[in-house]
C-alpha atoms as a PDB file:
ATOM      1  CA  MET A   1       4.113  10.669  -4.848  1.00  0.00           C
ATOM      2  CA  LYS A   2       7.531   9.869  -4.577  1.00  0.00           C
ATOM      3  CA  ASN A   3       8.445   6.373  -6.283  1.00  0.00           C
ATOM      4  CA  LYS A   4       9.242   4.470  -3.241  1.00  0.00           C
ATOM      5  CA  TYR A   5       5.746   5.213  -2.057  1.00  0.00           C
ATOM      6  CA  TYR A   6       4.154   3.477  -4.733  1.00  0.00           C
ATOM      7  CA  VAL A   7       4.989   0.672  -3.387  1.00  0.00           C
ATOM      8  CA  LEU A   8       3.534   1.119   0.226  1.00  0.00           C
ATOM      9  CA  SER A   9       0.048   1.964  -1.871  1.00  0.00           C
ATOM     10  CA  ALA A  10       0.176  -0.979  -3.961  1.00  0.00           C
ATOM     11  CA  THR A  11       0.636  -3.271  -0.993  1.00  0.00           C
ATOM     12  CA  ILE A  12      -2.525  -1.550   0.816  1.00  0.00           C
ATOM     13  CA  LEU A  13      -4.516  -1.698  -2.568  1.00  0.00           C
ATOM     14  CA  VAL A  14      -3.507  -5.258  -2.343  1.00  0.00           C
ATOM     15  CA  PHE A  15      -4.214  -6.157   0.902  1.00  0.00           C
ATOM     16  CA  ASP A  16      -7.460  -4.437   1.051  1.00  0.00           C
ATOM     17  CA  HIS A  17      -8.723  -6.727  -1.811  1.00  0.00           C
ATOM     18  CA  LEU A  18      -7.520  -9.799  -0.168  1.00  0.00           C
ATOM     19  CA  THR A  19      -9.332  -8.850   2.987  1.00  0.00           C
ATOM     20  CA  LYS A  20     -12.626  -8.137   0.583  1.00  0.00           C
ATOM     21  CA  TRP A  21     -12.063 -11.226  -1.500  1.00  0.00           C
ATOM     22  CA  LEU A  22     -11.886 -13.126   2.004  1.00  0.00           C
ATOM     23  CA  VAL A  23     -15.245 -11.575   3.283  1.00  0.00           C
ATOM     24  CA  ARG A  24     -17.053 -11.916   0.375  1.00  0.00           C
ATOM     25  CA  ALA A  25     -15.879 -15.798  -0.349  1.00  0.00           C
ATOM     26  CA  TYR A  26     -16.296 -17.187   3.363  1.00  0.00           C
ATOM     27  CA  LEU A  27     -18.225 -14.471   4.871  1.00  0.00           C
ATOM     28  CA  ASP A  28     -22.335 -15.193   5.077  1.00  0.00           C
ATOM     29  CA  PRO A  29     -24.034 -11.831   5.216  1.00  0.00           C
ATOM     30  CA  LYS A  30     -26.621 -13.235   7.727  1.00  0.00           C
ATOM     31  CA  ASP A  31     -23.963 -14.737   9.908  1.00  0.00           C
ATOM     32  CA  PRO A  32     -21.646 -11.992  11.225  1.00  0.00           C
ATOM     33  CA  ILE A  33     -18.736 -13.418  13.786  1.00  0.00           C
ATOM     34  CA  GLU A  34     -17.892 -11.602  17.157  1.00  0.00           C
ATOM     35  CA  ILE A  35     -14.040 -11.276  17.511  1.00  0.00           C
ATOM     36  CA  VAL A  36     -14.460  -9.481  21.017  1.00  0.00           C
ATOM     37  CA  PRO A  37     -17.439  -9.815  22.408  1.00  0.00           C
ATOM     38  CA  ASN A  38     -20.037  -6.618  22.735  1.00  0.00           C
ATOM     39  CA  CYS A  39     -17.546  -4.864  20.583  1.00  0.00           C
ATOM     40  CA  LEU A  40     -15.499  -5.995  17.405  1.00  0.00           C
ATOM     41  CA  ARG A  41     -17.484  -8.401  15.095  1.00  0.00           C
ATOM     42  CA  PHE A  42     -17.006  -9.294  10.823  1.00  0.00           C
ATOM     43  CA  THR A  43     -20.160  -8.314   8.764  1.00  0.00           C
ATOM     44  CA  HIS A  44     -20.355  -8.647   5.400  1.00  0.00           C
ATOM     45  CA  VAL A  45     -21.357  -5.585   4.572  1.00  0.00           C
ATOM     46  CA  GLN A  46     -21.646  -3.984   0.807  1.00  0.00           C
ATOM     47  CA  ASN A  47     -21.573  -0.090   0.832  1.00  0.00           C
ATOM     48  CA  THR A  48     -23.308   1.322  -2.692  1.00  0.00           C
ATOM     49  CA  GLY A  49     -22.224   4.863  -0.806  1.00  0.00           C
ATOM     50  CA  VAL A  50     -19.462   6.326   0.110  1.00  0.00           C
ATOM     51  CA  ALA A  51     -18.121   7.160   3.484  1.00  0.00           C
ATOM     52  CA  PHE A  52     -20.287   6.271   6.627  1.00  0.00           C
ATOM     53  CA  GLY A  53     -23.015   5.063   3.918  1.00  0.00           C
ATOM     54  CA  PHE A  54     -23.383   8.547   2.600  1.00  0.00           C
ATOM     55  CA  PHE A  55     -25.558   7.910  -0.685  1.00  0.00           C
ATOM     56  CA  ALA A  56     -26.341   4.450  -0.135  1.00  0.00           C
ATOM     57  CA  ASP A  57     -30.167   5.160  -0.950  1.00  0.00           C
ATOM     58  CA  LEU A  58     -29.708   7.254  -3.375  1.00  0.00           C
ATOM     59  CA  HIS A  59     -30.472   4.743  -6.950  1.00  0.00           C
ATOM     60  CA  ALA A  60     -29.305   7.320  -9.569  1.00  0.00           C
ATOM     61  CA  PRO A  61     -27.622   5.574 -12.907  1.00  0.00           C
ATOM     62  CA  TRP A  62     -25.067   8.762 -12.944  1.00  0.00           C
ATOM     63  CA  LYS A  63     -23.817   7.798  -9.365  1.00  0.00           C
ATOM     64  CA  PRO A  64     -21.372   5.197 -10.100  1.00  0.00           C
ATOM     65  CA  TYR A  65     -19.778   7.365 -12.251  1.00  0.00           C
ATOM     66  CA  VAL A  66     -19.334  10.304  -9.760  1.00  0.00           C
ATOM     67  CA  LEU A  67     -18.056   8.519  -7.506  1.00  0.00           C
ATOM     68  CA  ALA A  68     -15.299   6.479  -9.691  1.00  0.00           C
ATOM     69  CA  ALA A  69     -14.373  10.144 -10.356  1.00  0.00           C
ATOM     70  CA  MET A  70     -14.261  12.015  -7.219  1.00  0.00           C
ATOM     71  CA  ALA A  71     -11.795   8.946  -6.396  1.00  0.00           C
ATOM     72  CA  VAL A  72      -9.400   9.116  -9.675  1.00  0.00           C
ATOM     73  CA  LEU A  73      -9.678  13.084  -8.918  1.00  0.00           C
ATOM     74  CA  ALA A  74      -8.332  13.203  -5.222  1.00  0.00           C
ATOM     75  CA  VAL A  75      -5.679  10.230  -6.294  1.00  0.00           C
ATOM     76  CA  ILE A  76      -4.181  12.887  -9.794  1.00  0.00           C
ATOM     77  CA  VAL A  77      -4.445  15.517  -7.245  1.00  0.00           C
ATOM     78  CA  ILE A  78      -2.763  13.312  -4.590  1.00  0.00           C
ATOM     79  CA  LEU A  79       0.288  12.735  -6.819  1.00  0.00           C
ATOM     80  CA  ILE A  80       1.025  16.255  -7.873  1.00  0.00           C
ATOM     81  CA  TYR A  81       0.905  17.430  -4.280  1.00  0.00           C
ATOM     82  CA  SER A  82       3.268  14.764  -3.551  1.00  0.00           C
ATOM     83  CA  ALA A  83       5.816  15.613  -6.721  1.00  0.00           C
ATOM     84  CA  ARG A  84       5.574  19.126  -5.602  1.00  0.00           C
ATOM     85  CA  MET A  85       6.560  18.668  -2.355  1.00  0.00           C
ATOM     86  CA  PRO A  86      10.079  17.654  -1.105  1.00  0.00           C
ATOM     87  CA  SER A  87      11.234  14.228  -0.669  1.00  0.00           C
ATOM     88  CA  SER A  88      12.455  15.026   2.428  1.00  0.00           C
ATOM     89  CA  ARG A  89       8.998  15.013   4.115  1.00  0.00           C
ATOM     90  CA  THR A  90       9.051  11.659   4.410  1.00  0.00           C
ATOM     91  CA  LEU A  91       5.481  11.877   6.901  1.00  0.00           C
ATOM     92  CA  LEU A  92       3.796  13.799   4.251  1.00  0.00           C
ATOM     93  CA  GLN A  93       5.105  11.221   1.199  1.00  0.00           C
ATOM     94  CA  LEU A  94       3.849   8.622   3.638  1.00  0.00           C
ATOM     95  CA  ALA A  95       0.562  10.387   4.768  1.00  0.00           C
ATOM     96  CA  LEU A  96      -0.252  10.821   1.034  1.00  0.00           C
ATOM     97  CA  ALA A  97       0.726   7.085  -0.094  1.00  0.00           C
ATOM     98  CA  VAL A  98      -1.535   5.717   2.597  1.00  0.00           C
ATOM     99  CA  THR A  99      -4.241   7.645   1.481  1.00  0.00           C
ATOM    100  CA  ALA A 100      -4.130   7.337  -2.033  1.00  0.00           C
ATOM    101  CA  GLY A 101      -3.771   3.445  -1.812  1.00  0.00           C
ATOM    102  CA  GLY A 102      -7.141   3.115   0.426  1.00  0.00           C
ATOM    103  CA  ILE A 103      -8.753   5.405  -2.141  1.00  0.00           C
ATOM    104  CA  LEU A 104      -7.579   3.024  -5.236  1.00  0.00           C
ATOM    105  CA  GLY A 105      -8.675   0.099  -2.770  1.00  0.00           C
ATOM    106  CA  ASN A 106     -12.208   1.724  -2.857  1.00  0.00           C
ATOM    107  CA  PHE A 107     -12.298   2.677  -6.248  1.00  0.00           C
ATOM    108  CA  ALA A 108     -11.546  -0.983  -7.395  1.00  0.00           C
ATOM    109  CA  ASP A 109     -13.792  -2.355  -5.503  1.00  0.00           C
ATOM    110  CA  ARG A 110     -16.736  -0.032  -6.978  1.00  0.00           C
ATOM    111  CA  ILE A 111     -15.435  -0.408 -10.128  1.00  0.00           C
ATOM    112  CA  ILE A 112     -14.867  -4.159 -10.181  1.00  0.00           C
ATOM    113  CA  HIS A 113     -18.283  -4.881  -7.873  1.00  0.00           C
ATOM    114  CA  GLY A 114     -20.427  -1.938  -7.953  1.00  0.00           C
ATOM    115  CA  PHE A 115     -20.360  -1.472  -4.346  1.00  0.00           C
ATOM    116  CA  VAL A 116     -17.612  -1.701  -1.522  1.00  0.00           C
ATOM    117  CA  THR A 117     -17.093  -4.607   0.903  1.00  0.00           C
ATOM    118  CA  ASP A 118     -17.215  -3.513   4.619  1.00  0.00           C
ATOM    119  CA  PHE A 119     -16.729  -5.728   7.092  1.00  0.00           C
ATOM    120  CA  ILE A 120     -14.973  -4.602  10.275  1.00  0.00           C
ATOM    121  CA  GLU A 121     -17.619  -3.257  13.047  1.00  0.00           C
ATOM    122  CA  PHE A 122     -16.898  -1.751  16.121  1.00  0.00           C
ATOM    123  CA  HIS A 123     -20.101  -1.775  18.241  1.00  0.00           C
ATOM    124  CA  ILE A 124     -20.942  -1.427  22.220  1.00  0.00           C
ATOM    125  CA  LYS A 125     -22.994  -4.229  23.639  1.00  0.00           C
ATOM    126  CA  GLU A 126     -26.240  -3.699  20.600  1.00  0.00           C
ATOM    127  CA  THR A 127     -26.406   0.158  21.900  1.00  0.00           C
ATOM    128  CA  PHE A 128     -23.893   2.217  20.088  1.00  0.00           C
ATOM    129  CA  HIS A 129     -22.335   0.884  15.976  1.00  0.00           C
ATOM    130  CA  TRP A 130     -19.984   2.875  14.281  1.00  0.00           C
ATOM    131  CA  PRO A 131     -20.560   2.037  10.593  1.00  0.00           C
ATOM    132  CA  THR A 132     -18.575  -0.565   9.320  1.00  0.00           C
ATOM    133  CA  PHE A 133     -15.355  -0.149   7.200  1.00  0.00           C
ATOM    134  CA  ASN A 134     -12.659  -1.787   5.569  1.00  0.00           C
ATOM    135  CA  VAL A 135      -8.624  -2.192   4.957  1.00  0.00           C
ATOM    136  CA  ALA A 136      -8.973   1.043   2.674  1.00  0.00           C
ATOM    137  CA  ASP A 137     -11.082   3.004   4.997  1.00  0.00           C
ATOM    138  CA  SER A 138      -8.606   2.643   7.675  1.00  0.00           C
ATOM    139  CA  ALA A 139      -5.745   3.199   5.418  1.00  0.00           C
ATOM    140  CA  ILE A 140      -7.613   6.579   4.252  1.00  0.00           C
ATOM    141  CA  THR A 141      -7.938   7.560   7.690  1.00  0.00           C
ATOM    142  CA  ILE A 142      -4.566   6.583   9.205  1.00  0.00           C
ATOM    143  CA  GLY A 143      -3.361   8.583   5.402  1.00  0.00           C
ATOM    144  CA  ILE A 144      -5.836  11.865   6.882  1.00  0.00           C
ATOM    145  CA  ALA A 145      -3.851  11.728  10.338  1.00  0.00           C
ATOM    146  CA  LEU A 146      -0.442  11.662   9.419  1.00  0.00           C
ATOM    147  CA  LEU A 147      -1.148  14.464   6.901  1.00  0.00           C
ATOM    148  CA  LEU A 148      -2.600  16.246   9.869  1.00  0.00           C
ATOM    149  CA  ILE A 149       0.313  16.062  12.138  1.00  0.00           C
ATOM    150  CA  ASP A 150       2.521  16.867   9.396  1.00  0.00           C
ATOM    151  CA  THR A 151       0.786  19.527   8.585  1.00  0.00           C
ATOM    152  CA  VAL A 152       1.187  21.047  12.402  1.00  0.00           C
ATOM    153  CA  LYS A 153       4.979  19.630  12.523  1.00  0.00           C
ATOM    154  CA  ASN A 154       5.605  21.572   8.853  1.00  0.00           C
ATOM    155  CA  PRO A 155       3.921  24.932   9.160  1.00  0.00           C
ATOM    156  CA  GLU A 156       6.033  26.255   6.954  1.00  0.00           C
ATOM    157  CA  PRO A 157       3.308  27.236   4.109  1.00  0.00           C
ATOM    158  CA  ALA A 158       1.405  29.136   6.949  1.00  0.00           C
ATOM    159  CA  GLU A 159       4.546  31.497   7.846  1.00  0.00           C
ATOM    160  CA  GLU A 160       5.482  31.746   3.820  1.00  0.00           C
ATOM    161  CA  LEU A 161       1.757  33.134   3.831  1.00  0.00           C
ATOM    162  CA  GLU A 162       1.981  35.616   6.501  1.00  0.00           C
ATOM    163  CA  GLU A 163       5.804  36.719   5.018  1.00  0.00           C
ATOM    164  CA  ASN A 164       3.639  37.999   1.727  1.00  0.00           C
END
């Protein structure tokens, strides 16, 4: 990732941890706060799994280490890819920085607490619930979306493969 984007990653990491700290300090897991009736609430959840709670029911002593290693590997790949891509690919560099900030936010939470604090819950009445998420998860999702947009707007690698 180019140097100026490290600040963005760090800002996401700090904001993510500030919101998670507020949730852990002030939101009782048994007493969610309805923000938008029948649509959005803040619910304190401790997620020991990964995205959407996958692997939360897996109780293995090696699980935290594997999940941490996956996060470290993902950030290393992002840093290498960013370094090899031109600075002029602003959207790409932004996407990588936002994604890395989100990954680092959840990684730090998992290392410090042994779980990831999730708290944003979208639901439709009580019939549909999107899995509870956090700022880091949002950053990762936005980063991946920006990466897809950049890929569509800049298909140069695909053109290079076709020429060879």
